[in-house]
């Protein structure tokens, strides 16, 4: 091998070693940059776009449980699957038009799959609900929320004392919670009646007497309440409507206008903060 060939071979070896060294160094830098990028991405996963930490669905659900709207509750309540179940239960009729309208509104507002369960017990009173153990009929659907339409009209007709009415109403609630301990029960008052407001029973009591007792019981227990009866009266007064014009001839059943009002009031109530800590 000549000196020139040997020198060229030496240069090639040095170049090869240099290339390998620079390649390894570049690879190590790339790995370091990748690790830093991944670390930054992981950190950013816990932050929102404005740099604030993101809130998980569970954290969002637990936050402000004493002041959470029903729509927020339904959107975030943890379930075994993505399906949310709502039951309407108590003194109302399945033929009431407001029922379907409220269901459609909830479906639009809650992005998860929502299933509705209806247990309509028109003209039942608080004692009959207990006597026939109607709360068990809710168990099969296992609802996340029960809207309990309180049977004040039935109590007035049955002629129950006010103290018994309050006691039975609480026992009705306790029966639901015994069957469904993690279910949120929301009390709902009925629409007002023009014909029944002065229809006294043998105790000289009208349906509003029972209504006041029920509301007092619910408020004392700090349970969620949609007082649509009071909201309905306020609405017809503020719009200069006669109550009778929102009801059918019996002075109690809602007509089209009445269903429209009751639907709006129910939907509005779904967005008002209530105490949801008695639920899951």
Protein backbone atom coordinates (compact mmCIF):
# COMPACT_ATOMS: atom_id res chain seq x y z
CA UNK A 1 0.00 0.00 0.00
CA UNK A 2 1.44 3.38 -0.97
CA UNK A 3 1.69 6.30 1.44
CA UNK A 4 -1.01 8.12 -0.53
CA UNK A 5 -3.40 5.15 -0.33
CA UNK A 6 -2.73 4.80 3.36
CA UNK A 7 -3.42 8.47 3.95
CA UNK A 8 -6.71 8.27 2.02
CA UNK A 9 -7.73 5.19 4.04
CA UNK A 10 -6.92 7.05 7.27
CA UNK A 11 -9.02 10.02 6.19
CA UNK A 12 -11.94 7.76 5.29
CA UNK A 13 -11.77 6.04 8.67
CA UNK A 14 -11.77 9.42 10.47
CA UNK A 15 -14.70 10.61 8.37
CA UNK A 16 -16.61 7.40 9.08
CA UNK A 17 -16.02 7.72 12.82
CA UNK A 18 -17.04 11.39 12.67
CA UNK A 19 -20.21 10.59 10.79
CA UNK A 20 -21.11 7.85 13.28
CA UNK A 21 -20.39 10.13 16.23
CA UNK A 22 -22.42 13.03 14.84
CA UNK A 23 -25.26 10.64 13.92
CA UNK A 24 -25.37 9.22 17.42
CA UNK A 25 -25.29 12.72 18.92
CA UNK A 26 -28.13 13.84 16.65
CA UNK A 27 -30.16 10.77 17.58
CA UNK A 28 -29.65 11.46 21.28
CA UNK A 29 -30.76 15.06 20.82
CA UNK A 30 -33.85 13.92 18.95
CA UNK A 31 -34.72 11.50 21.75
CA UNK A 32 -34.30 14.26 24.34
CA UNK A 33 -36.50 16.64 22.35
CA UNK A 34 -39.14 13.92 21.97
CA UNK A 35 -39.12 13.23 25.70
CA UNK A 36 -39.44 16.94 26.45
CA UNK A 37 -42.30 17.24 23.96
CA UNK A 38 -44.11 14.26 25.48
CA UNK A 39 -43.62 15.68 28.94
CA UNK A 40 -45.02 19.01 27.82
CA UNK A 41 -47.97 17.29 26.15
CA UNK A 42 -48.69 15.30 29.30
CA UNK A 43 -48.58 18.50 31.31
CA UNK A 44 -50.88 20.22 28.85
CA UNK A 45 -53.40 17.38 29.07
CA UNK A 46 -54.11 18.58 32.57
CA UNK A 47 -54.62 22.15 31.39
CA UNK A 48 -57.32 23.79 29.37
CA UNK A 49 -56.66 26.09 26.44
CA UNK A 50 -56.40 29.08 28.75
CA UNK A 51 -53.71 27.36 30.83
CA UNK A 52 -56.02 26.46 33.70
CA UNK A 53 -56.19 22.84 34.94
CA UNK A 54 -58.96 20.88 33.24
CA UNK A 55 -61.75 19.43 35.36
CA UNK A 56 -62.57 15.77 34.99
CA UNK A 57 -66.17 14.66 34.62
CA UNK A 58 -66.19 13.29 38.16
CA UNK A 59 -64.71 16.51 39.54
CA UNK A 60 -67.27 18.52 37.58
CA UNK A 61 -70.04 16.37 39.02
CA UNK A 62 -68.87 16.75 42.63
CA UNK A 63 -68.33 20.50 42.39
CA UNK A 64 -71.05 22.65 43.99
CA UNK A 65 -73.39 19.72 44.58
CA UNK A 66 -75.54 21.92 46.81
CA UNK A 67 -76.05 24.39 43.95
CA UNK A 68 -76.25 22.33 40.78
CA UNK A 69 -78.99 22.46 38.17
CA UNK A 70 -80.73 19.26 37.17
CA UNK A 71 -79.37 19.61 33.64
CA UNK A 72 -75.82 19.81 35.02
CA UNK A 73 -76.53 16.90 37.32
CA UNK A 74 -77.85 14.73 34.51
CA UNK A 75 -74.98 15.67 32.22
CA UNK A 76 -72.32 14.67 34.74
CA UNK A 77 -73.82 12.03 37.03
CA UNK A 78 -71.64 8.89 36.87
CA UNK A 79 -73.37 5.77 35.57
CA UNK A 80 -72.32 2.24 34.68
CA UNK A 81 -72.87 3.18 31.03
CA UNK A 82 -73.56 6.38 29.11
CA UNK A 83 -77.31 5.99 29.44
CA UNK A 84 -79.12 8.27 31.90
CA UNK A 85 -82.53 7.23 33.20
CA UNK A 86 -85.29 9.61 34.34
CA UNK A 87 -88.59 8.57 35.91
CA UNK A 88 -91.72 10.69 36.19
CA UNK A 89 -93.73 9.34 39.10
CA UNK A 90 -96.86 10.28 41.00
CA UNK A 91 -100.01 12.30 40.44
CA UNK A 92 -100.12 13.19 36.75
CA UNK A 93 -101.51 11.65 33.56
CA UNK A 94 -99.52 10.01 30.78
CA UNK A 95 -101.69 11.92 28.32
CA UNK A 96 -100.46 15.29 29.59
CA UNK A 97 -98.85 17.06 26.65
CA UNK A 98 -96.19 18.74 28.77
CA UNK A 99 -94.63 15.35 29.52
CA UNK A 100 -93.44 14.67 25.97
CA UNK A 101 -92.28 18.26 25.53
CA UNK A 102 -90.17 18.12 28.70
CA UNK A 103 -88.65 14.80 27.63
CA UNK A 104 -87.70 16.27 24.25
CA UNK A 105 -86.13 19.30 25.93
CA UNK A 106 -84.05 17.14 28.29
CA UNK A 107 -82.90 15.02 25.35
CA UNK A 108 -81.75 18.15 23.55
CA UNK A 109 -79.87 19.48 26.58
CA UNK A 110 -78.24 16.30 27.88
CA UNK A 111 -75.81 14.94 25.32
CA UNK A 112 -75.76 11.38 26.66
CA UNK A 113 -78.39 8.81 25.81
CA UNK A 114 -81.45 9.45 28.00
CA UNK A 115 -84.14 6.91 28.75
CA UNK A 116 -87.51 7.96 30.21
CA UNK A 117 -89.71 5.92 32.48
CA UNK A 118 -93.27 7.01 33.30
CA UNK A 119 -95.28 5.80 36.28
CA UNK A 120 -98.42 7.91 36.19
CA UNK A 121 -100.73 7.50 39.17
CA UNK A 122 -103.46 10.11 38.65
CA UNK A 123 -105.79 10.76 41.61
CA UNK A 124 -103.62 8.71 44.00
CA UNK A 125 -103.19 10.13 47.48
CA UNK A 126 -100.09 9.93 49.68
CA UNK A 127 -101.51 7.06 51.76
CA UNK A 128 -102.45 4.98 48.70
CA UNK A 129 -98.94 5.36 47.31
CA UNK A 130 -97.68 3.71 50.50
CA UNK A 131 -100.47 1.16 50.79
CA UNK A 132 -99.86 -0.17 47.26
CA UNK A 133 -96.07 0.05 47.62
CA UNK A 134 -95.84 1.95 44.35
CA UNK A 135 -92.21 2.96 44.96
CA UNK A 136 -91.10 -0.56 44.05
CA UNK A 137 -92.35 0.02 40.51
CA UNK A 138 -89.43 2.44 40.08
CA UNK A 139 -86.76 -0.15 40.88
CA UNK A 140 -86.70 -1.96 37.55
CA UNK A 141 -85.74 1.17 35.60
CA UNK A 142 -83.15 2.16 38.26
CA UNK A 143 -83.44 5.88 37.46
CA UNK A 144 -80.79 8.50 38.14
CA UNK A 145 -83.53 11.05 38.81
CA UNK A 146 -87.16 10.66 39.91
CA UNK A 147 -89.54 13.58 39.46
CA UNK A 148 -92.08 12.92 42.23
CA UNK A 149 -95.35 14.71 41.46
CA UNK A 150 -96.86 15.13 44.89
CA UNK A 151 -100.49 13.98 45.34
CA UNK A 152 -102.00 16.96 47.16
CA UNK A 153 -105.25 16.79 45.19
CA UNK A 154 -105.66 13.16 46.21
CA UNK A 155 -105.04 13.94 49.89
CA UNK A 156 -107.71 16.63 49.81
CA UNK A 157 -110.23 14.19 48.33
CA UNK A 158 -109.33 11.38 50.74
CA UNK A 159 -109.82 13.81 53.62
CA UNK A 160 -106.48 13.11 55.28
CA UNK A 161 -105.41 15.29 58.19
CA UNK A 162 -102.61 17.74 57.44
CA UNK A 163 -100.22 16.06 59.89
CA UNK A 164 -100.91 12.64 58.36
CA UNK A 165 -100.52 14.02 54.87
CA UNK A 166 -97.09 15.40 55.74
CA UNK A 167 -96.08 12.13 57.40
CA UNK A 168 -97.25 9.97 54.49
CA UNK A 169 -95.53 12.24 51.98
CA UNK A 170 -92.23 11.83 53.79
CA UNK A 171 -92.75 8.07 54.00
CA UNK A 172 -93.43 8.03 50.25
CA UNK A 173 -90.06 9.70 49.75
CA UNK A 174 -88.32 7.33 52.15
CA UNK A 175 -89.83 4.34 50.32
CA UNK A 176 -88.30 5.58 47.07
CA UNK A 177 -84.91 6.10 48.71
CA UNK A 178 -85.06 2.67 50.35
CA UNK A 179 -85.62 1.08 46.94
CA UNK A 180 -83.19 3.44 45.17
CA UNK A 181 -80.72 4.90 47.70
CA UNK A 182 -78.54 6.64 45.07
CA UNK A 183 -81.40 8.16 43.09
CA UNK A 184 -82.02 11.90 43.25
CA UNK A 185 -85.70 12.56 44.03
CA UNK A 186 -87.07 15.93 42.95
CA UNK A 187 -90.50 16.94 44.23
CA UNK A 188 -92.79 18.62 41.70
CA UNK A 189 -95.96 20.53 42.59
CA UNK A 190 -99.03 20.29 40.32
CA UNK A 191 -100.60 22.97 38.19
CA UNK A 192 -103.20 25.09 40.01
CA UNK A 193 -106.93 24.48 39.73
CA UNK A 194 -109.68 27.07 39.45
CA UNK A 195 -112.46 24.67 40.40
CA UNK A 196 -110.73 23.01 43.34
CA UNK A 197 -109.34 26.09 45.06
CA UNK A 198 -112.53 26.56 47.09
CA UNK A 199 -113.67 22.93 47.20
CA UNK A 200 -113.45 22.13 50.91
CA UNK A 201 -113.46 18.65 52.40
CA UNK A 202 -115.00 17.68 55.75
CA UNK A 203 -111.94 19.11 57.54
CA UNK A 204 -112.59 22.48 55.87
CA UNK A 205 -109.38 22.05 53.92
CA UNK A 206 -108.70 22.79 50.26
CA UNK A 207 -105.94 21.26 48.16
CA UNK A 208 -103.66 24.25 48.76
CA UNK A 209 -103.72 23.47 52.49
CA UNK A 210 -102.08 20.12 51.72
CA UNK A 211 -99.78 21.78 49.22
CA UNK A 212 -98.45 24.18 51.85
CA UNK A 213 -97.80 21.32 54.28
CA UNK A 214 -95.96 19.34 51.62
CA UNK A 215 -93.77 22.30 50.65
CA UNK A 216 -92.97 22.97 54.30
CA UNK A 217 -91.94 19.32 54.75
CA UNK A 218 -89.76 19.38 51.63
CA UNK A 219 -88.06 22.65 52.59
CA UNK A 220 -87.45 21.51 56.16
CA UNK A 221 -85.75 18.37 54.83
CA UNK A 222 -83.73 20.51 52.36
CA UNK A 223 -84.80 18.36 49.42
CA UNK A 224 -85.01 19.55 45.80
CA UNK A 225 -88.33 21.05 44.77
CA UNK A 226 -89.82 22.36 41.55
CA UNK A 227 -92.66 24.54 42.84
CA UNK A 228 -94.43 24.83 39.50
CA UNK A 229 -97.77 25.58 41.18
CA UNK A 230 -96.49 28.88 42.54
CA UNK A 231 -94.58 29.64 39.34
CA UNK A 232 -97.73 28.97 37.28
CA UNK A 233 -99.83 31.39 39.35
CA UNK A 234 -97.11 34.02 39.04
CA UNK A 235 -96.99 33.52 35.27
CA UNK A 236 -100.72 33.93 34.66
CA UNK A 237 -100.78 36.99 36.92
CA UNK A 238 -97.81 38.65 35.22
CA UNK A 239 -99.31 38.06 31.76
CA UNK A 240 -102.83 39.12 32.79
CA UNK A 241 -104.30 35.71 31.99
CA UNK A 242 -107.31 34.26 33.76
CA UNK A 243 -106.37 30.90 35.26
CA UNK A 244 -109.57 29.41 33.83
CA UNK A 245 -108.43 30.16 30.28
CA UNK A 246 -105.46 27.80 30.71
CA UNK A 247 -107.59 24.87 31.90
CA UNK A 248 -110.25 22.61 30.42
CA UNK A 249 -113.88 22.70 31.52
CA UNK A 250 -113.17 20.70 34.66
CA UNK A 251 -111.08 23.62 35.95
CA UNK A 252 -108.11 21.36 36.73
CA UNK A 253 -106.78 19.68 33.56
CA UNK A 254 -104.41 21.73 31.43
CA UNK A 255 -105.53 22.79 27.97
CA UNK A 256 -103.08 23.62 25.17
CA UNK A 257 -102.21 27.00 26.66
CA UNK A 258 -101.84 25.49 30.11
CA UNK A 259 -99.56 22.72 28.83
CA UNK A 260 -97.44 25.34 27.09
CA UNK A 261 -97.04 27.28 30.36
CA UNK A 262 -96.33 24.20 32.47
CA UNK A 263 -93.76 22.94 29.94
CA UNK A 264 -91.91 26.25 29.95
CA UNK A 265 -91.89 26.41 33.74
CA UNK A 266 -90.63 22.82 34.04
CA UNK A 267 -87.87 23.41 31.50
CA UNK A 268 -86.85 26.63 33.25
CA UNK A 269 -86.70 24.81 36.58
CA UNK A 270 -84.28 22.28 35.12
CA UNK A 271 -81.67 25.05 34.79
CA UNK A 272 -82.13 26.52 38.30
CA UNK A 273 -79.55 25.47 40.94
CA UNK A 274 -80.90 23.12 43.62
CA UNK A 275 -79.34 20.94 46.30
CA UNK A 276 -78.48 17.61 44.64
CA UNK A 277 -76.54 16.13 47.56
CA UNK A 278 -79.39 13.74 48.36
CA UNK A 279 -78.63 11.92 45.09
CA UNK A 280 -75.68 9.76 44.05
